[in-house]
Amino acid sequence: MAEQQAPQVQIKADEKELVALYSNLVMIHHNAEEFTLHFIYIFPNGTHGKLMSSTIVSPGHAKRLWRALGENIARFEAQYGTIREAPAPEPPTNIGFVQ
C-alpha cells in the first residue's frame, strides 16, 4: 500500500504581510501561558525607538522557535563562517512604551 502524503498547506499573504520589518532589539516577556516578543527598532541616535511588531507564542512554540533558530544559525555558519558579534551594549533601563 502506497504511503499517503499530507496535503500541502497553502498560506495566503497580502503584499503588506510580505514586506519585512527590521528590528535591532527584541524584548521578551513570559508567563505560565505564553511568551511575548516585542520587536523594536532603536534609532541610531539612541534617544527613541519604534515598536515594529509583537508576537505571542505558546511556551512549546517558543522552544521550537529557539531550536529552529539554533539549527539555522549552525547551518549559516557552516556555509558562511562564524557570525561575529559586536560587544553587547548595556541594555537600557529606561525603555517604556508611549502612546
N, C-alpha and C. Protein backbone atom coordinates (compact mmCIF):
# COMPACT_ATOMS: atom_id res chain seq x y z
N MET A 1 0.84 -1.19 0.00
CA MET A 1 0.00 0.00 0.00
C MET A 1 0.88 1.24 0.00
N ALA A 2 0.60 2.15 -0.89
CA ALA A 2 1.39 3.37 -1.01
C ALA A 2 1.14 4.29 0.17
N GLU A 3 2.21 4.94 0.62
CA GLU A 3 2.10 5.88 1.74
C GLU A 3 1.41 7.16 1.27
N GLN A 4 0.42 7.60 2.04
CA GLN A 4 -0.31 8.83 1.67
C GLN A 4 0.45 10.05 2.16
N GLN A 5 0.54 11.05 1.30
CA GLN A 5 1.18 12.30 1.69
C GLN A 5 0.13 13.28 2.19
N ALA A 6 0.50 14.05 3.20
CA ALA A 6 -0.40 15.09 3.69
C ALA A 6 -0.53 16.17 2.63
N PRO A 7 -1.72 16.76 2.51
CA PRO A 7 -1.88 17.82 1.51
C PRO A 7 -1.00 19.02 1.86
N GLN A 8 -0.56 19.73 0.84
CA GLN A 8 0.26 20.92 1.05
C GLN A 8 -0.59 22.03 1.66
N VAL A 9 -0.03 22.72 2.64
CA VAL A 9 -0.72 23.83 3.29
C VAL A 9 -0.50 25.08 2.44
N GLN A 10 -1.56 25.74 2.09
CA GLN A 10 -1.50 26.96 1.29
C GLN A 10 -1.63 28.15 2.25
N ILE A 11 -0.63 29.01 2.27
CA ILE A 11 -0.64 30.18 3.15
C ILE A 11 -0.86 31.41 2.29
N LYS A 12 -1.89 32.18 2.66
CA LYS A 12 -2.19 33.42 1.93
C LYS A 12 -1.50 34.58 2.62
N ALA A 13 -0.95 35.47 1.82
CA ALA A 13 -0.30 36.67 2.37
C ALA A 13 -0.51 37.82 1.40
N ASP A 14 -1.03 38.91 1.92
CA ASP A 14 -1.15 40.12 1.11
C ASP A 14 0.23 40.77 1.02
N GLU A 15 0.35 41.73 0.12
CA GLU A 15 1.62 42.40 -0.09
C GLU A 15 2.16 43.01 1.20
N LYS A 16 1.30 43.60 2.03
CA LYS A 16 1.80 44.26 3.24
C LYS A 16 2.40 43.25 4.23
N GLU A 17 1.91 42.00 4.24
CA GLU A 17 2.50 40.99 5.12
C GLU A 17 3.83 40.49 4.58
N LEU A 18 4.06 40.65 3.29
CA LEU A 18 5.31 40.18 2.69
C LEU A 18 6.45 41.18 2.85
N VAL A 19 6.15 42.39 3.26
CA VAL A 19 7.19 43.40 3.48
C VAL A 19 7.84 43.12 4.83
N ALA A 20 9.15 42.95 4.82
CA ALA A 20 9.88 42.64 6.06
C ALA A 20 10.09 43.90 6.89
N LEU A 21 10.17 43.71 8.19
CA LEU A 21 10.45 44.80 9.12
C LEU A 21 11.81 44.53 9.76
N TYR A 22 12.58 45.58 9.99
CA TYR A 22 13.89 45.44 10.62
C TYR A 22 13.77 45.75 12.10
N SER A 23 14.42 44.94 12.91
CA SER A 23 14.43 45.14 14.35
C SER A 23 15.86 44.98 14.85
N ASN A 24 16.28 45.87 15.76
CA ASN A 24 17.61 45.74 16.35
C ASN A 24 17.53 45.54 17.87
N LEU A 25 16.33 45.29 18.36
CA LEU A 25 16.13 44.99 19.78
C LEU A 25 14.88 44.13 19.90
N VAL A 26 14.97 43.08 20.70
CA VAL A 26 13.79 42.26 20.99
C VAL A 26 13.63 42.20 22.49
N MET A 27 12.47 42.59 22.97
CA MET A 27 12.16 42.48 24.39
C MET A 27 11.25 41.26 24.54
N ILE A 28 11.61 40.36 25.43
CA ILE A 28 10.86 39.12 25.60
C ILE A 28 10.32 39.06 27.02
N HIS A 29 9.03 38.80 27.11
CA HIS A 29 8.36 38.64 28.40
C HIS A 29 7.67 37.29 28.38
N HIS A 30 7.50 36.68 29.54
CA HIS A 30 6.80 35.40 29.58
C HIS A 30 6.03 35.25 30.88
N ASN A 31 5.02 34.39 30.80
CA ASN A 31 4.30 33.93 31.99
C ASN A 31 4.04 32.44 31.78
N ALA A 32 3.23 31.85 32.61
CA ALA A 32 3.00 30.40 32.52
C ALA A 32 2.33 29.99 31.22
N GLU A 33 1.64 30.88 30.55
CA GLU A 33 0.84 30.55 29.37
C GLU A 33 1.46 30.93 28.04
N GLU A 34 2.36 31.95 28.03
CA GLU A 34 2.80 32.47 26.73
C GLU A 34 4.12 33.23 26.85
N PHE A 35 4.76 33.36 25.69
CA PHE A 35 5.93 34.22 25.52
C PHE A 35 5.50 35.37 24.61
N THR A 36 5.86 36.59 24.98
CA THR A 36 5.57 37.75 24.15
C THR A 36 6.90 38.32 23.68
N LEU A 37 7.02 38.49 22.36
CA LEU A 37 8.23 39.04 21.77
C LEU A 37 7.87 40.38 21.15
N HIS A 38 8.49 41.44 21.64
CA HIS A 38 8.31 42.78 21.07
C HIS A 38 9.55 43.09 20.23
N PHE A 39 9.35 43.24 18.92
CA PHE A 39 10.44 43.56 18.01
C PHE A 39 10.46 45.08 17.85
N ILE A 40 11.59 45.69 18.20
CA ILE A 40 11.71 47.14 18.30
C ILE A 40 12.87 47.61 17.43
N TYR A 41 12.72 48.80 16.88
CA TYR A 41 13.83 49.45 16.19
C TYR A 41 14.23 50.66 17.02
N ILE A 42 15.47 50.64 17.52
CA ILE A 42 16.02 51.79 18.24
C ILE A 42 16.78 52.63 17.22
N PHE A 43 16.42 53.89 17.10
CA PHE A 43 17.04 54.78 16.12
C PHE A 43 18.51 55.02 16.46
N PRO A 44 19.34 55.30 15.45
CA PRO A 44 20.79 55.43 15.66
C PRO A 44 21.18 56.42 16.75
N ASN A 45 20.41 57.47 16.95
CA ASN A 45 20.78 58.43 17.99
C ASN A 45 20.51 57.88 19.39
N GLY A 46 19.80 56.76 19.47
CA GLY A 46 19.59 56.09 20.75
C GLY A 46 18.61 56.77 21.68
N THR A 47 17.94 57.82 21.23
CA THR A 47 17.04 58.54 22.13
C THR A 47 15.59 58.08 22.02
N HIS A 48 15.26 57.38 20.94
CA HIS A 48 13.90 56.87 20.82
C HIS A 48 13.87 55.67 19.88
N GLY A 49 12.77 54.97 19.91
CA GLY A 49 12.61 53.79 19.09
C GLY A 49 11.16 53.61 18.70
N LYS A 50 10.90 52.54 17.95
CA LYS A 50 9.55 52.27 17.47
C LYS A 50 9.28 50.78 17.57
N LEU A 51 8.13 50.42 18.12
CA LEU A 51 7.69 49.04 18.14
C LEU A 51 7.32 48.65 16.72
N MET A 52 8.01 47.66 16.17
CA MET A 52 7.77 47.25 14.80
C MET A 52 6.71 46.16 14.72
N SER A 53 6.73 45.24 15.71
CA SER A 53 5.82 44.11 15.68
C SER A 53 5.84 43.42 17.03
N SER A 54 4.74 42.78 17.38
CA SER A 54 4.68 41.94 18.58
C SER A 54 4.14 40.59 18.17
N THR A 55 4.69 39.54 18.78
CA THR A 55 4.24 38.19 18.51
C THR A 55 4.10 37.47 19.83
N ILE A 56 3.00 36.76 19.99
CA ILE A 56 2.75 35.98 21.20
C ILE A 56 2.69 34.51 20.80
N VAL A 57 3.48 33.67 21.49
CA VAL A 57 3.52 32.25 21.19
C VAL A 57 3.41 31.44 22.48
N SER A 58 3.01 30.19 22.33
CA SER A 58 2.93 29.28 23.48
C SER A 58 4.35 28.91 23.91
N PRO A 59 4.52 28.44 25.15
CA PRO A 59 5.86 28.01 25.58
C PRO A 59 6.43 26.91 24.68
N GLY A 60 5.61 25.97 24.25
CA GLY A 60 6.09 24.91 23.36
C GLY A 60 6.56 25.46 22.03
N HIS A 61 5.82 26.41 21.48
CA HIS A 61 6.22 27.00 20.21
C HIS A 61 7.48 27.85 20.38
N ALA A 62 7.60 28.53 21.52
CA ALA A 62 8.82 29.32 21.80
C ALA A 62 10.04 28.40 21.80
N LYS A 63 9.91 27.23 22.39
CA LYS A 63 11.04 26.30 22.43
C LYS A 63 11.36 25.78 21.03
N ARG A 64 10.34 25.50 20.22
CA ARG A 64 10.59 25.07 18.84
C ARG A 64 11.27 26.18 18.04
N LEU A 65 10.86 27.43 18.27
CA LEU A 65 11.48 28.57 17.60
C LEU A 65 12.94 28.70 18.00
N TRP A 66 13.22 28.56 19.29
CA TRP A 66 14.58 28.62 19.81
C TRP A 66 15.44 27.54 19.15
N ARG A 67 14.91 26.31 19.06
CA ARG A 67 15.64 25.21 18.44
C ARG A 67 15.87 25.48 16.95
N ALA A 68 14.83 25.95 16.25
CA ALA A 68 14.94 26.22 14.81
C ALA A 68 15.96 27.33 14.54
N LEU A 69 15.98 28.37 15.37
CA LEU A 69 16.98 29.43 15.21
C LEU A 69 18.39 28.88 15.39
N GLY A 70 18.57 28.05 16.40
CA GLY A 70 19.89 27.46 16.64
C GLY A 70 20.35 26.61 15.46
N GLU A 71 19.44 25.80 14.92
CA GLU A 71 19.78 24.95 13.77
C GLU A 71 20.12 25.80 12.55
N ASN A 72 19.37 26.87 12.32
CA ASN A 72 19.63 27.73 11.17
C ASN A 72 20.92 28.51 11.32
N ILE A 73 21.23 28.95 12.53
CA ILE A 73 22.50 29.65 12.76
C ILE A 73 23.66 28.71 12.51
N ALA A 74 23.54 27.46 12.96
CA ALA A 74 24.61 26.47 12.72
C ALA A 74 24.80 26.23 11.23
N ARG A 75 23.73 26.12 10.46
CA ARG A 75 23.84 25.92 9.01
C ARG A 75 24.43 27.16 8.33
N PHE A 76 24.00 28.35 8.77
CA PHE A 76 24.53 29.60 8.23
C PHE A 76 26.05 29.66 8.43
N GLU A 77 26.48 29.38 9.68
CA GLU A 77 27.91 29.46 9.99
C GLU A 77 28.71 28.39 9.26
N ALA A 78 28.13 27.24 9.02
CA ALA A 78 28.81 26.19 8.25
C ALA A 78 29.04 26.66 6.82
N GLN A 79 28.12 27.43 6.29
CA GLN A 79 28.23 27.89 4.90
C GLN A 79 29.04 29.18 4.78
N TYR A 80 28.85 30.12 5.71
CA TYR A 80 29.43 31.46 5.57
C TYR A 80 30.50 31.80 6.61
N GLY A 81 30.70 30.96 7.58
CA GLY A 81 31.68 31.25 8.63
C GLY A 81 30.99 31.78 9.89
N THR A 82 31.78 31.87 10.94
CA THR A 82 31.27 32.29 12.24
C THR A 82 30.68 33.69 12.18
N ILE A 83 29.53 33.85 12.77
CA ILE A 83 28.89 35.17 12.88
C ILE A 83 29.64 35.94 13.95
N ARG A 84 30.16 37.10 13.57
CA ARG A 84 30.86 37.95 14.53
C ARG A 84 29.86 38.87 15.20
N GLU A 85 29.90 38.89 16.50
CA GLU A 85 29.00 39.76 17.26
C GLU A 85 29.77 40.97 17.76
N ALA A 86 29.13 42.12 17.66
CA ALA A 86 29.68 43.32 18.29
C ALA A 86 29.51 43.16 19.79
N PRO A 87 30.33 43.84 20.58
CA PRO A 87 30.13 43.77 22.03
C PRO A 87 28.69 44.14 22.37
N ALA A 88 28.11 43.38 23.26
CA ALA A 88 26.73 43.64 23.66
C ALA A 88 26.65 44.96 24.40
N PRO A 89 25.79 45.87 23.93
CA PRO A 89 25.65 47.14 24.65
C PRO A 89 24.92 46.91 25.97
N GLU A 90 25.15 47.81 26.89
CA GLU A 90 24.40 47.76 28.14
C GLU A 90 22.93 47.91 27.82
N PRO A 91 22.09 46.99 28.29
CA PRO A 91 20.67 47.15 27.99
C PRO A 91 20.11 48.39 28.66
N PRO A 92 19.39 49.22 27.90
CA PRO A 92 18.83 50.43 28.52
C PRO A 92 17.80 50.05 29.58
N THR A 93 17.84 50.77 30.66
CA THR A 93 16.88 50.50 31.74
C THR A 93 15.69 51.45 31.67
N ASN A 94 15.75 52.39 30.75
CA ASN A 94 14.72 53.42 30.69
C ASN A 94 13.81 53.25 29.47
N ILE A 95 13.62 52.01 29.01
CA ILE A 95 12.74 51.79 27.86
C ILE A 95 11.32 51.59 28.35
N GLY A 96 10.41 52.29 27.74
CA GLY A 96 9.00 52.15 28.06
C GLY A 96 8.17 52.49 26.85
N PHE A 97 6.93 52.04 26.85
CA PHE A 97 6.03 52.30 25.73
C PHE A 97 5.25 53.57 25.98
N VAL A 98 5.08 54.37 24.93
CA VAL A 98 4.27 55.59 24.99
C VAL A 98 3.19 55.49 23.93
N GLN A 99 2.15 56.24 24.08
CA GLN A 99 1.05 56.22 23.10
C GLN A 99 1.15 57.42 22.21
